[in-house]
Amino acid sequence: MNASQEKAWETLADRFIVDVPARELSTSVHPDAHVDWAAEFGREAPLFVEIGSGRGEALVALAALHPEANVVAFEVFQPAVASTLSRINRHGVTNVRVVLANGVEGLEHLFAPGSVVELWTFFPDPWHKPRHHKRRLVSPEFAALVAARLTPDGTWRLATDWQDYAEAMREVLDPAPGLVNAHGGWAPRFAERPLTKYEQRGLDAGREVRDLTYRRADAPSPDQPDADADVPTVPDLLHRTPRPGASGEVPL
């Protein structure tokens, strides 16, 4: 981390970072881990979750638009989390907590079935090489987990600037039990999502951004996949990270 990130971590982590027990990997989440979110936030409120929050551009903007929600973000890259803490502090947002851990494991172990009102996965790593496609975040197993964790009227919002990944998402999610494509196809751009540097980079390269929105179809049925079934093994870097500068540091 650079000096600014170190300072943000030292001064703000105690307030906004939620520590959870890990397994072997430092960014894993132990199956026995538990978080009382109402106690962490000091209130009962709807739970919004972002997996792969990066440097917090979308996270902080959306949290500011939804002061009625308790917003939990998962990110595995510590410098990016430190930059997020700085952004939270600059914007005076208080309804955010960040977990430095794998978001798939966090969603499985730290949230009760039917408890998440909104889930955001914006611009997850596309893992371009065919042999790496199995590492992609969106999979049938993850879709089953999301369907189990969403409230009956819950929403999952996704975005990507890689057409092949967008099409792969629909191939998995359109027929997924417990989920329904809210628009029957591509969704309009989520108006509340700010234009981040990641998204602008894709647009500058001539790529089209695809949005998708899925809703929980109904309450889980007995033949729906078990909410506690094994989730896919995914790499720690669920979100593309900013490239370091010449000094090797990642800027705020």
Protein backbone atom coordinates (compact mmCIF):
# COMPACT_ATOMS: atom_id res chain seq x y z
CA MET A 1 0.00 0.00 0.00
CA ASN A 2 1.14 3.55 -0.56
CA ALA A 3 1.40 6.10 2.25
CA SER A 4 -2.16 7.40 1.81
CA GLN A 5 -3.59 3.91 1.82
CA GLU A 6 -1.57 3.00 4.91
CA LYS A 7 -2.94 6.06 6.69
CA ALA A 8 -6.52 5.26 5.67
CA TRP A 9 -6.11 1.69 6.90
CA GLU A 10 -4.63 2.76 10.23
CA THR A 11 -7.28 5.39 10.94
CA LEU A 12 -10.45 3.89 9.45
CA ALA A 13 -10.19 0.09 9.45
CA ASP A 14 -11.44 -0.29 13.00
CA ARG A 15 -14.62 1.54 12.07
CA PHE A 16 -15.47 0.10 8.68
CA ILE A 17 -13.70 -3.27 8.33
CA VAL A 18 -15.43 -6.40 9.59
CA ASP A 19 -12.96 -9.12 10.51
CA VAL A 20 -14.11 -12.70 10.00
CA PRO A 21 -12.43 -16.02 10.82
CA ALA A 22 -10.56 -17.53 7.87
CA ARG A 23 -9.51 -21.00 6.80
CA GLU A 24 -6.05 -21.60 5.26
CA LEU A 25 -6.13 -18.61 2.91
CA SER A 26 -6.21 -15.22 4.55
CA THR A 27 -9.09 -14.09 2.32
CA SER A 28 -11.20 -17.20 2.87
CA VAL A 29 -14.21 -17.33 5.20
CA HIS A 30 -14.43 -20.12 7.76
CA PRO A 31 -17.64 -22.16 7.52
CA ASP A 32 -18.34 -21.45 11.19
CA ALA A 33 -17.97 -17.69 10.81
CA HIS A 34 -20.90 -15.54 11.89
CA VAL A 35 -21.60 -11.82 11.78
CA ASP A 36 -24.44 -10.06 13.54
CA TRP A 37 -25.02 -7.38 10.92
CA ALA A 38 -27.51 -5.44 13.01
CA ALA A 39 -24.89 -5.19 15.75
CA GLU A 40 -22.15 -4.19 13.27
CA PHE A 41 -24.26 -1.35 11.89
CA GLY A 42 -26.01 -0.50 15.13
CA ARG A 43 -29.43 -0.93 13.54
CA GLU A 44 -31.76 -3.29 11.72
CA ALA A 45 -31.99 -2.37 8.03
CA PRO A 46 -32.25 -4.00 4.59
CA LEU A 47 -29.01 -5.72 3.57
CA PHE A 48 -27.36 -4.77 0.28
CA VAL A 49 -24.21 -6.67 -0.76
CA GLU A 50 -21.51 -5.97 -3.35
CA ILE A 51 -19.03 -8.66 -4.37
CA GLY A 52 -15.83 -7.25 -5.86
CA SER A 53 -16.12 -3.63 -4.75
CA GLY A 54 -12.68 -2.59 -6.02
CA ARG A 55 -11.75 0.91 -4.89
CA GLY A 56 -15.32 1.64 -3.87
CA GLU A 57 -16.45 3.99 -6.63
CA ALA A 58 -19.81 2.31 -7.19
CA LEU A 59 -20.08 1.14 -3.59
CA VAL A 60 -19.86 4.56 -1.98
CA ALA A 61 -22.09 6.26 -4.55
CA LEU A 62 -24.81 3.62 -4.19
CA ALA A 63 -24.58 3.55 -0.40
CA ALA A 64 -25.03 7.32 -0.35
CA LEU A 65 -28.17 6.93 -2.46
CA HIS A 66 -29.54 4.30 -0.07
CA PRO A 67 -29.08 5.55 3.50
CA GLU A 68 -31.93 3.24 4.50
CA ALA A 69 -29.77 0.17 3.76
CA ASN A 70 -26.88 -1.58 5.49
CA VAL A 71 -24.37 -2.09 2.67
CA VAL A 72 -21.75 -4.85 2.93
CA ALA A 73 -18.88 -5.06 0.42
CA PHE A 74 -16.42 -7.88 -0.25
CA GLU A 75 -13.01 -7.25 -1.80
CA VAL A 76 -9.82 -9.31 -1.58
CA PHE A 77 -7.24 -6.70 -2.64
CA GLN A 78 -6.13 -4.79 0.46
CA PRO A 79 -4.84 -1.62 -1.28
CA ALA A 80 -8.20 -1.31 -3.05
CA VAL A 81 -9.98 -1.72 0.29
CA ALA A 82 -7.77 0.98 1.80
CA SER A 83 -8.73 3.31 -1.06
CA THR A 84 -12.36 2.43 -0.39
CA LEU A 85 -11.97 3.45 3.25
CA SER A 86 -10.56 6.79 2.16
CA ARG A 87 -13.47 7.29 -0.25
CA ILE A 88 -16.02 6.39 2.45
CA ASN A 89 -14.46 8.94 4.76
CA ARG A 90 -14.32 11.70 2.13
CA HIS A 91 -17.99 11.29 1.27
CA GLY A 92 -19.18 10.95 4.85
CA VAL A 93 -20.95 7.66 4.21
CA THR A 94 -21.67 5.69 7.38
CA ASN A 95 -23.84 2.78 6.19
CA VAL A 96 -21.01 0.69 4.68
CA ARG A 97 -18.94 -2.15 6.08
CA VAL A 98 -16.17 -3.90 4.15
CA VAL A 99 -14.98 -7.50 4.49
CA LEU A 100 -11.49 -8.30 3.17
CA ALA A 101 -12.48 -11.75 1.99
CA ASN A 102 -13.83 -13.94 -0.79
CA GLY A 103 -17.34 -12.73 -1.54
CA VAL A 104 -18.71 -16.12 -2.59
CA GLU A 105 -17.71 -17.66 0.72
CA GLY A 106 -18.91 -14.57 2.54
CA LEU A 107 -22.34 -14.74 0.92
CA GLU A 108 -22.59 -18.42 1.82
CA HIS A 109 -21.45 -18.28 5.43
CA LEU A 110 -22.26 -14.76 6.68
CA PHE A 111 -25.84 -14.27 5.45
CA ALA A 112 -28.96 -16.20 6.33
CA PRO A 113 -31.21 -17.59 3.59
CA GLY A 114 -33.65 -14.97 2.34
CA SER A 115 -31.80 -12.03 3.92
CA VAL A 116 -30.19 -10.06 1.05
CA VAL A 117 -32.35 -7.43 -0.65
CA GLU A 118 -29.83 -6.37 -3.33
CA LEU A 119 -26.70 -8.08 -4.66
CA TRP A 120 -24.31 -6.23 -6.96
CA THR A 121 -21.60 -7.85 -9.10
CA PHE A 122 -20.31 -5.16 -11.41
CA PHE A 123 -17.52 -5.96 -13.88
CA PRO A 124 -16.25 -9.23 -12.40
CA ASP A 125 -13.05 -10.66 -13.84
CA PRO A 126 -13.92 -12.11 -17.30
CA TRP A 127 -11.15 -14.75 -17.25
CA HIS A 128 -10.78 -14.62 -21.03
CA LYS A 129 -8.88 -17.84 -21.73
CA PRO A 130 -11.24 -20.79 -22.28
CA ARG A 131 -9.30 -22.95 -19.82
CA HIS A 132 -9.94 -20.28 -17.16
CA HIS A 133 -13.70 -19.93 -17.73
CA LYS A 134 -14.31 -22.28 -14.80
CA ARG A 135 -12.92 -19.52 -12.56
CA ARG A 136 -15.62 -17.05 -13.56
CA LEU A 137 -17.82 -15.85 -10.75
CA VAL A 138 -21.15 -16.55 -12.45
CA SER A 139 -21.85 -20.28 -12.44
CA PRO A 140 -24.85 -22.54 -11.78
CA GLU A 141 -23.60 -23.17 -8.23
CA PHE A 142 -23.26 -19.48 -7.49
CA ALA A 143 -26.67 -18.76 -9.03
CA ALA A 144 -28.23 -21.33 -6.69
CA LEU A 145 -26.52 -19.69 -3.72
CA VAL A 146 -27.71 -16.23 -4.75
CA ALA A 147 -31.28 -17.44 -5.23
CA ALA A 148 -31.20 -18.89 -1.72
CA ARG A 149 -29.79 -15.75 -0.10
CA LEU A 150 -32.06 -13.18 -1.79
CA THR A 151 -35.23 -12.06 -0.08
CA PRO A 152 -38.44 -13.14 -1.87
CA ASP A 153 -38.44 -9.80 -3.70
CA GLY A 154 -34.64 -9.52 -3.86
CA THR A 155 -32.65 -8.30 -6.87
CA TRP A 156 -29.28 -9.27 -8.36
CA ARG A 157 -27.69 -6.65 -10.62
CA LEU A 158 -24.75 -7.48 -12.89
CA ALA A 159 -22.71 -5.62 -15.47
CA THR A 160 -19.83 -6.54 -17.77
CA ASP A 161 -18.10 -4.97 -20.75
CA TRP A 162 -17.15 -8.30 -22.32
CA GLN A 163 -19.82 -9.62 -24.68
CA ASP A 164 -18.79 -13.27 -24.41
CA TYR A 165 -19.04 -13.13 -20.62
CA ALA A 166 -22.38 -11.33 -20.83
CA GLU A 167 -23.73 -14.10 -23.05
CA ALA A 168 -22.27 -16.75 -20.74
CA MET A 169 -24.01 -15.07 -17.80
CA ARG A 170 -27.36 -15.32 -19.55
CA GLU A 171 -26.73 -18.95 -20.51
CA VAL A 172 -26.31 -19.72 -16.82
CA LEU A 173 -28.81 -17.37 -15.21
CA ASP A 174 -31.81 -17.26 -17.56
CA PRO A 175 -32.70 -20.92 -16.84
CA ALA A 176 -31.44 -20.87 -13.23
CA PRO A 177 -34.01 -22.20 -10.72
CA GLY A 178 -35.23 -19.54 -8.32
CA LEU A 179 -34.23 -16.60 -10.52
CA VAL A 180 -36.07 -14.73 -13.25
CA ASN A 181 -34.65 -12.28 -15.77
CA ALA A 182 -36.42 -9.06 -14.80
CA HIS A 183 -36.32 -7.67 -18.34
CA GLY A 184 -36.51 -10.88 -20.32
CA GLY A 185 -33.14 -10.03 -21.85
CA TRP A 186 -30.52 -7.31 -21.47
CA ALA A 187 -31.41 -4.75 -18.81
CA PRO A 188 -31.16 -1.01 -19.31
CA ARG A 189 -28.12 0.50 -17.68
CA PHE A 190 -28.64 0.65 -13.91
CA ALA A 191 -29.19 4.39 -13.59
CA GLU A 192 -27.87 4.57 -10.03
CA ARG A 193 -24.51 3.00 -10.89
CA PRO A 194 -21.85 5.69 -11.40
CA LEU A 195 -19.57 5.65 -14.41
CA THR A 196 -16.40 4.21 -12.89
CA LYS A 197 -12.89 4.17 -14.31
CA TYR A 198 -13.32 0.47 -15.09
CA GLU A 199 -16.44 1.11 -17.13
CA GLN A 200 -14.96 4.14 -18.89
CA ARG A 201 -11.90 2.12 -19.86
CA GLY A 202 -14.11 -0.43 -21.57
CA LEU A 203 -16.13 2.23 -23.36
CA ASP A 204 -12.94 3.94 -24.54
CA ALA A 205 -11.82 0.60 -25.97
CA GLY A 206 -15.08 0.36 -27.93
CA ARG A 207 -16.71 -2.31 -25.79
CA GLU A 208 -20.44 -2.26 -25.05
CA VAL A 209 -21.49 -2.54 -21.43
CA ARG A 210 -24.20 -5.11 -20.79
CA ASP A 211 -26.43 -4.91 -17.72
CA LEU A 212 -28.50 -7.78 -16.38
CA THR A 213 -31.08 -7.82 -13.60
CA TYR A 214 -32.47 -10.96 -11.96
CA ARG A 215 -35.09 -11.27 -9.27
CA ARG A 216 -35.87 -14.05 -6.89
CA ALA A 217 -38.62 -15.98 -8.59
CA ASP A 218 -40.36 -17.21 -5.44
CA ALA A 219 -39.66 -18.70 -2.04
CA PRO A 220 -37.29 -21.71 -2.18
CA SER A 221 -39.04 -24.95 -2.98
CA PRO A 222 -38.08 -28.37 -1.58
CA ASP A 223 -36.51 -29.43 -4.89
CA GLN A 224 -34.43 -26.26 -5.22
CA PRO A 225 -30.65 -26.68 -4.71
CA ASP A 226 -29.63 -26.69 -1.06
CA ALA A 227 -28.60 -23.23 0.12
CA ASP A 228 -25.68 -24.87 1.91
CA ALA A 229 -24.48 -26.89 -1.06
CA ASP A 230 -20.84 -26.60 -2.05
CA VAL A 231 -20.04 -23.31 -3.76
CA PRO A 232 -17.56 -23.06 -6.62
CA THR A 233 -13.89 -22.56 -5.93
CA VAL A 234 -13.03 -19.11 -7.20
CA PRO A 235 -9.77 -17.15 -7.15
CA ASP A 236 -9.24 -14.40 -4.64
CA LEU A 237 -9.16 -11.70 -7.32
CA LEU A 238 -12.86 -11.60 -8.13
CA HIS A 239 -12.61 -8.01 -9.30
CA ARG A 240 -10.12 -6.56 -11.69
CA THR A 241 -7.59 -4.51 -9.78
CA PRO A 242 -6.08 -1.21 -10.87
CA ARG A 243 -2.66 -1.45 -12.45
CA PRO A 244 0.21 -0.24 -10.26
CA GLY A 245 2.21 2.77 -11.31
CA ALA A 246 5.93 2.85 -11.95
CA SER A 247 6.59 2.74 -8.21
CA GLY A 248 4.61 -0.47 -7.88
CA GLU A 249 1.96 1.32 -5.78
CA VAL A 250 -1.73 1.47 -6.56
CA PRO A 251 -2.96 5.09 -6.40
CA LEU A 252 -5.98 6.18 -4.39
